Every structure is written in structure tokens, then in C-alpha cells.
């Protein structure tokens, strides 16, 4: 399902207080747990996942890991009393998996609950209304990918903005993503032309009041469209 642009699979259960999803295995016994996409969007690009060591039983609410992003640091809490069977090793190398694929490769842990297979949390469709309220209250905007770089070009002419965009994208790796926020009303038209000439891709765009938000991915065939003006 989609709530205010944030995706949540119908097959998970939701601990809304701690922004955790739970997916029981088909055979029972093991649960996979991770972070909701709404938290990932609020946090921005995750830069670090540090798991706490320890074997045996973990209490409900105990912090299993510390998650850090460009604007967030917080715990990942175990949703029930359980034994931790596995921690996702991929998160150490690519914390951004929490943003890019929170319900797939970005899972955090696999646990074996201590009190049977019944999940003490509601299924995702049942929390749609409460999740919507939380998203609106926190001003969360879910994007289809997490930005590696954020550019806020307010009060700039579009030509200067696109020169800056070319400049910044040249420093990024292919598949990296830029969030561009501008107030120039010509930007939607100019970005269409820029996308065609640069070889990059505009993944998403929206208007909120007088601001235009663009999510742009650098592609392998990326090439600059404008050179920085002299003295710029």
C-alpha cells in the first residue's frame, strides 16, 4: 500500500511507535524486521549502522543497533522479546540500503520470538490512517530514492542552477541521486531539456507551494550541459 507517497507492503506488521516492520517467515519461527520507509525518508541518507554485540535473549524495546544518517541518530529497537538469529551484514558496507530497499535488501535483523508466532502488532493495512497522521505531523516526504546530495537553489535563475547542478553531478558516482529544490517557475520545462541533453534521469518531481522538488539520478552516460560562467 501507499500512504502519503510512502510505500508499505501489505504483508508486513507494523510497530508504528518505533517505526519497525515485521515479516514472519512462511514456515513460521523466524521474523525479518526492518525500518519503515517513512523513517528512512525522514532521516535522509543513512551513513552508518552499528550493531550491538550480544547473544541470547533480547528484551522487547532493547536497542539492537544505532542508525545514523545525515540528520538522524537513533536506535533500532527489537519489537518483541526474541533471540537474534542474524544481523544484515550488507548494512555495514551500504547503510543506504535502508533508504533504497527498506523492505528487501535493507532488512535489519532476523529474530526468533520467544512467545510464539503471533505478532502483537497490526498488519500494515490496519495502520494506514495512523501512519498518515504521523507522516503529516512530522512533515515527511517520501521519495523513490534517497538523495546522496541535496541542493537548495532559492532565488537563483534556472541557468545558474543548472550550471551548479552540472558541477555537483560531475563529482558524484553513477547511480548517485541529487535532490534539487528551486523556486524558479521555469525549472520544470528547463529540467526536461537538461535531462535529454545531460543523459541523466529525473526520477521524480513535485510542486509544493512556490517550491519545485526534483530527484535526479546520475547515469553512466552523464555529460555536462553548461559550463560554469567565468567568475561563478
Protein backbone atom coordinates (compact mmCIF):
# COMPACT_ATOMS: atom_id res chain seq x y z
CA UNK A 1 0.00 0.00 0.00
CA UNK A 2 1.00 3.64 -0.36
CA UNK A 3 0.42 6.23 2.36
CA UNK A 4 1.24 9.86 1.54
CA UNK A 5 3.73 8.60 -1.04
CA UNK A 6 5.40 6.20 1.44
CA UNK A 7 5.35 2.52 0.48
CA UNK A 8 4.48 -0.20 3.00
CA UNK A 9 3.97 -3.81 1.81
CA UNK A 10 0.63 -5.35 2.74
CA UNK A 11 2.32 -8.48 4.06
CA UNK A 12 4.14 -6.84 6.98
CA UNK A 13 3.07 -5.96 10.52
CA UNK A 14 3.87 -2.52 11.90
CA UNK A 15 5.25 -1.29 15.21
CA UNK A 16 4.36 2.33 14.49
CA UNK A 17 5.80 3.73 17.71
CA UNK A 18 9.33 2.56 16.85
CA UNK A 19 8.95 2.68 13.03
CA UNK A 20 9.64 -1.05 12.67
CA UNK A 21 8.11 -3.54 10.24
CA UNK A 22 7.86 -7.29 10.88
CA UNK A 23 7.54 -10.06 8.28
CA UNK A 24 7.05 -13.62 9.63
CA UNK A 25 8.57 -16.40 7.53
CA UNK A 26 6.14 -18.65 5.69
CA UNK A 27 7.23 -21.68 7.69
CA UNK A 28 6.95 -19.82 10.97
CA UNK A 29 9.56 -19.42 13.67
CA UNK A 30 11.66 -16.63 12.18
CA UNK A 31 10.71 -12.99 11.67
CA UNK A 32 12.53 -10.49 9.48
CA UNK A 33 12.45 -6.94 10.82
CA UNK A 34 13.48 -3.54 9.45
CA UNK A 35 12.70 0.19 9.36
CA UNK A 36 9.65 1.78 7.74
CA UNK A 37 10.20 3.80 4.58
CA UNK A 38 8.67 6.82 6.34
CA UNK A 39 11.51 6.81 8.88
CA UNK A 40 14.06 6.36 6.10
CA UNK A 41 12.64 9.40 4.30
CA UNK A 42 12.58 11.48 7.48
CA UNK A 43 16.18 10.53 8.30
CA UNK A 44 17.63 11.09 4.84
CA UNK A 45 20.58 9.09 3.56
CA UNK A 46 21.79 6.63 6.18
CA UNK A 47 25.54 6.73 6.65
CA UNK A 48 26.16 4.20 9.43
CA UNK A 49 24.61 1.11 11.03
CA UNK A 50 26.36 -0.09 14.18
CA UNK A 51 25.05 -3.35 15.63
CA UNK A 52 25.36 -4.02 19.35
CA UNK A 53 27.12 -7.30 20.18
CA UNK A 54 25.42 -9.96 22.25
CA UNK A 55 23.89 -13.39 22.05
CA UNK A 56 20.93 -14.94 23.81
CA UNK A 57 17.68 -13.23 24.63
CA UNK A 58 16.88 -9.61 23.76
CA UNK A 59 14.08 -7.81 25.56
CA UNK A 60 11.30 -6.00 23.77
CA UNK A 61 12.36 -2.40 23.14
CA UNK A 62 16.06 -3.10 23.61
CA UNK A 63 18.34 -1.35 21.12
CA UNK A 64 19.88 -3.79 18.67
CA UNK A 65 21.63 -1.18 16.52
CA UNK A 66 22.34 2.52 16.23
CA UNK A 67 21.31 4.07 12.93
CA UNK A 68 22.90 7.30 11.74
CA UNK A 69 22.04 9.47 8.79
CA UNK A 70 22.73 12.97 7.57
CA UNK A 71 20.10 14.33 10.00
CA UNK A 72 19.18 11.49 12.36
CA UNK A 73 20.73 9.29 15.01
CA UNK A 74 18.60 6.74 16.81
CA UNK A 75 18.20 3.15 17.94
CA UNK A 76 16.68 0.22 16.13
CA UNK A 77 14.59 -1.47 18.81
CA UNK A 78 13.69 -5.16 18.98
CA UNK A 79 9.88 -5.28 18.66
CA UNK A 80 9.39 -8.36 20.89
CA UNK A 81 11.38 -10.50 23.29
CA UNK A 82 13.44 -12.66 20.95
CA UNK A 83 16.70 -14.34 20.05
CA UNK A 84 18.59 -12.52 17.31
CA UNK A 85 19.43 -15.12 14.69
CA UNK A 86 21.07 -12.84 12.10
CA UNK A 87 22.10 -9.23 11.56
CA UNK A 88 22.19 -7.92 7.99
CA UNK A 89 25.91 -7.85 7.06
CA UNK A 90 25.22 -5.75 3.97
CA UNK A 91 24.28 -2.70 6.03
CA UNK A 92 27.84 -2.18 7.23
CA UNK A 93 29.05 -1.65 3.64
CA UNK A 94 25.88 0.01 2.33
CA UNK A 95 23.81 1.72 5.04
CA UNK A 96 21.82 3.40 2.25
CA UNK A 97 20.07 0.06 1.66
CA UNK A 98 17.80 1.21 4.49
CA UNK A 99 16.67 4.01 2.16
CA UNK A 100 16.80 2.32 -1.22
CA UNK A 101 15.25 -1.05 -0.35
CA UNK A 102 13.91 -0.94 3.23
CA UNK A 103 11.62 -3.97 2.83
CA UNK A 104 14.07 -6.08 0.85
CA UNK A 105 17.86 -5.97 0.93
CA UNK A 106 17.70 -3.30 3.63
CA UNK A 107 16.30 -5.65 6.30
CA UNK A 108 17.96 -5.16 9.69
CA UNK A 109 17.71 -8.49 11.51
CA UNK A 110 16.12 -11.93 11.66
CA UNK A 111 14.77 -12.89 15.05
CA UNK A 112 13.10 -15.87 16.72
CA UNK A 113 10.30 -14.61 19.01
CA UNK A 114 10.19 -16.15 22.47
CA UNK A 115 6.42 -16.18 22.91
CA UNK A 116 5.17 -17.99 19.82
CA UNK A 117 4.44 -16.89 16.28
CA UNK A 118 1.58 -14.49 16.97
CA UNK A 119 2.64 -10.96 16.04
CA UNK A 120 1.46 -8.45 18.69
CA UNK A 121 1.20 -5.64 16.15
CA UNK A 122 -1.41 -4.80 13.50
CA UNK A 123 -0.98 -5.64 9.80
CA UNK A 124 0.03 -2.74 7.59
CA UNK A 125 -3.41 -2.01 6.07
CA UNK A 126 -4.84 -1.53 9.57
CA UNK A 127 -2.42 1.28 10.45
CA UNK A 128 -2.79 3.32 7.26
CA UNK A 129 -4.74 6.08 8.99
CA UNK A 130 -2.39 6.35 11.97
CA UNK A 131 0.64 6.25 9.69
CA UNK A 132 -0.85 9.02 7.56
CA UNK A 133 -1.31 11.20 10.65
CA UNK A 134 2.29 10.59 11.74
CA UNK A 135 3.68 11.37 8.29
CA UNK A 136 1.73 14.63 8.11
CA UNK A 137 2.60 15.64 11.67
CA UNK A 138 6.32 15.17 11.03
CA UNK A 139 6.24 16.73 7.56
CA UNK A 140 7.70 13.61 5.93
CA UNK A 141 8.05 13.48 2.14
CA UNK A 142 8.76 10.04 0.73
CA UNK A 143 10.84 9.92 -2.44
CA UNK A 144 11.52 6.90 -4.69
CA UNK A 145 15.23 7.08 -3.79
CA UNK A 146 17.34 8.70 -1.08
CA UNK A 147 19.45 11.69 -2.04
CA UNK A 148 23.22 11.49 -1.83
CA UNK A 149 23.31 15.27 -2.22
CA UNK A 150 20.73 17.98 -1.54
CA UNK A 151 20.80 21.29 -3.46
CA UNK A 152 18.58 24.19 -2.44
CA UNK A 153 18.74 26.90 -5.10
CA UNK A 154 16.29 29.53 -3.92
CA UNK A 155 16.36 32.89 -5.64
CA UNK A 156 18.66 31.68 -8.42
CA UNK A 157 17.92 31.84 -12.12
CA UNK A 158 17.48 28.47 -13.75
CA UNK A 159 20.62 28.84 -15.93
CA UNK A 160 22.77 29.35 -12.83
CA UNK A 161 21.03 26.48 -11.05
CA UNK A 162 21.69 24.07 -13.91
CA UNK A 163 25.35 25.12 -14.05
CA UNK A 164 25.61 24.31 -10.35
CA UNK A 165 23.82 21.02 -10.92
CA UNK A 166 26.29 20.05 -13.67
CA UNK A 167 29.15 20.99 -11.38
CA UNK A 168 27.91 18.90 -8.46
CA UNK A 169 26.86 15.87 -10.52
CA UNK A 170 30.35 15.71 -12.03
CA UNK A 171 31.66 14.91 -8.54
CA UNK A 172 29.20 12.06 -7.94
CA UNK A 173 29.36 8.41 -8.89
CA UNK A 174 26.93 6.87 -11.39
CA UNK A 175 23.60 5.94 -9.75
CA UNK A 176 24.03 8.61 -7.06
CA UNK A 177 20.97 10.80 -6.55
CA UNK A 178 20.53 14.56 -6.13
CA UNK A 179 17.55 16.28 -4.53
CA UNK A 180 17.16 19.69 -6.17
CA UNK A 181 14.77 22.25 -4.68
CA UNK A 182 14.21 25.51 -6.58
CA UNK A 183 11.70 28.34 -6.79
CA UNK A 184 12.16 29.27 -10.45
CA UNK A 185 8.85 28.54 -12.25
CA UNK A 186 10.70 27.77 -15.49
CA UNK A 187 12.50 24.82 -13.85
CA UNK A 188 10.04 22.06 -14.87
CA UNK A 189 10.46 22.97 -18.55
CA UNK A 190 14.22 23.52 -18.32
CA UNK A 191 14.79 20.22 -16.48
CA UNK A 192 13.11 18.30 -19.31
CA UNK A 193 15.62 19.75 -21.76
CA UNK A 194 18.52 19.30 -19.33
CA UNK A 195 17.58 15.64 -18.78
CA UNK A 196 17.65 14.94 -22.51
CA UNK A 197 20.98 16.70 -23.08
CA UNK A 198 22.79 15.53 -19.95
CA UNK A 199 21.93 11.84 -20.16
CA UNK A 200 20.80 11.86 -16.53
CA UNK A 201 17.33 10.96 -15.31
CA UNK A 202 14.74 12.93 -13.38
CA UNK A 203 13.18 10.23 -11.20
CA UNK A 204 10.53 12.34 -9.53
CA UNK A 205 9.19 15.86 -9.34
CA UNK A 206 6.52 17.70 -7.39
CA UNK A 207 5.46 21.23 -6.56
CA UNK A 208 4.75 22.39 -3.04
CA UNK A 209 3.62 25.98 -2.87
CA UNK A 210 6.23 28.00 -4.72
CA UNK A 211 8.93 25.33 -4.48
CA UNK A 212 9.74 22.67 -7.05
CA UNK A 213 11.36 19.40 -5.92
CA UNK A 214 13.30 17.20 -8.35
CA UNK A 215 15.00 13.89 -7.67
CA UNK A 216 17.76 13.35 -10.24
CA UNK A 217 19.92 10.27 -10.77
CA UNK A 218 23.36 10.41 -12.37
CA UNK A 219 23.65 7.90 -15.19
CA UNK A 220 26.68 6.25 -16.74
CA UNK A 221 26.37 8.45 -19.87
CA UNK A 222 26.19 11.66 -17.81
CA UNK A 223 27.67 14.73 -19.51
CA UNK A 224 27.68 18.42 -18.58
CA UNK A 225 25.23 20.69 -20.37
CA UNK A 226 26.58 24.03 -19.18
CA UNK A 227 29.98 25.26 -18.15
CA UNK A 228 30.28 27.38 -15.03
CA UNK A 229 30.22 31.07 -16.05
CA UNK A 230 33.50 32.98 -15.61
CA UNK A 231 33.84 34.08 -12.02
CA UNK A 232 30.96 31.74 -11.00
